Structure formats: structure tokens, C-alpha cells
Amino acid sequence: MSTTWSLRILSIFLLSYFTFSNAYGQSDTLSNTQKYREQFIFFGTNLNVSSKSRDAAFSPLLFEGPGIGGGGGFVTRNEKFEFLIDGSFTLGLMSTKLAGTTDTGGNIFYTVPAHAHALWTINPVFKSTPNAFLRLGGAFDFSGNFRGNFSYTNSALNFDYISGIGPGAQVGWDVHINKTGKFFRKRDRDLTFLWTVSIPIMGTYMRPSYNTISDFTTGANFISGGGEQHFALIGNLVQLNSRLDMYYRLHNKNAFRFFYEWKYYAVNEGSSGNSQGAYHQLGFAFMFNVTGKK
């Protein structure tokens, strides 16, 4: 399944829920409660629809492939604030369209991303849209990327450790759908739709040490990575993270979480020391309510 089709399916899915919910009342939504608080721990699985990677010091080729994994986290939220921390892992296989007899195995990859944010509600922003809200704050992102291709012998294994902090933002909407149906009685239900974005503006990275040629006209060498931790500002280290979430609350106070996430990173060391990667992933998780007494 291509990335384009995955995005189309997700867009249709979310649009149908927004359209459907407008046909019913929204008078008893979570946001209309003067004070509310909820806390969840969640565990689930994720499908990495497409993961791409190119490390110029390792190979000029672009590798791409799918993966599968799981993850979990914790979220606490109320009408004024949200704190979330989560992490996951993905295992998969990348390949390149130029693969030949010396590159038949492709790249085995293993990705360990983590994310955390603290966001505060900015009111009033969406006066004309009941139960919609905007939150601003800070976020932390980490990504550990491991790749192995034993056809490259002495460059068979490589990695990127990337972390960063910066601003975060979230647009959300709490929707209540009333009980409906003559023949099939559907219970009322509460949904929350979220779009969260984080853009780290400073961070650190670590890559293996590669001795590569920076200028083929002179034969000058260039040491990429160095195998050490480096500090960098946005530009030399670029990270973008965007996620769409839908919480489907059950009547036992637990919930289901459906999400789509896109993450991009790039390390710009100049010359042949550039590395970049991105992934699209879909996920599902069980959310267990641990709020306790209010």
C-alpha cells in the first residue's frame, strides 16, 4: 500500500467522522464541562507504511520499506493543559530500486522514536466552533535509527541518534454524538480529534565515523559523524513531527486511540556527510483510564 493511498484513506476516515458528528447534538461534550480531568496509559501496535533513509556517507542510494511494531505511553489532560509521553519501536526491511547482486538483502532497520509535550490551552481562539481548542507549549523528540546491510561489509551497520527540543502546538475538537436509531439503537459516544505538531529548534545527534571523499577533484578526505555526540541548531539538524489522533471513549471510561504519524529528520554536516530519513505510520492502541477519583 503506497503512502498516497494511506493518506487518502486516513483523510476519508477522519472527514467522515467530522461530517457524521455534525448531524447530532454537541451539548454534552467533554469540553462543555466546566472542569474535567482524565489520565490514560495506553499500549498498542503500529504499522510503518513507509520508511525512507539516505545516508550519503554510507551510500548515495535511497532505501525504502515497511515495518511493524508497537508502543505505549501516558497522557494526562484537562480543559487547560495536556502532558503526553510515548515511545514505540519498529522493525522492518528497506530496499532500493537499484539493488543488484551485491545488494540483494536490502537494509534491515530498527527505529525507536519517543515524544513528549506539555501544552497549555489558549482561549478563546475558536469562538465560532464549539468545543474546539488550541494549545501551545514545548515538546521533546528523540529518534534512534539502526540500519544493517551486510553486503556492505565494513559499512554493514550504521545508526543515527537524534534528539531535540522546541515549540509544540495542538488543534483539537471534542465531539459528542447522541444516541440514535430506530431499529439499531446506538449509544451516545464521545470522540476527540487532535492534530499535534512539534518542531525542535535545537538538539543533539550521534552518527558513526565515516572517512569519505569530500572533493573528488582533489581527493580531500572528510570525516563524517565522528562517532561522538554533537550539538546543533535548526538548519544543521532538522526535525519535524506531525500526528493525527482520534480518541474513541467507551462507557467504562476507557478508550481506543487511532493515530497517524509523520516524522522527518535530517543531519546536515556538509559535503558527503548528509543524512536524512522519514516515516509514515498508522497505529491503534487501548487506553486504560487511571484518573481515579476526581
Foldseek 3Di string as FASTA:
>chain_A
DDPVVVVVVVVVVVVVVVVVLVVADFCDWQLNPPKDKWKWKKKWKKKFRKKWKAFLLLPRFIKMDIWIWMWIWMWMDMNFKIKIKMKIKIWIFIAGPPDDPLQVRGKTKMKIKIKIWIWTWDPDDCPVAPQKTKIKGKMKIWMKMWIAGCSSPVSGIKIKTKIFMDMKMKIKGKTWGPFDDDVDTDHIWIKMKMKMKHWGFKIKMAIDWGWDAQDPVVRDTDTARPRDIDIDGPPQKTKIKIKIWMWIADPVRKTKIKMKIKIKIWHPPDRSRIMIMMTIMIIIMTIDIPPPDD
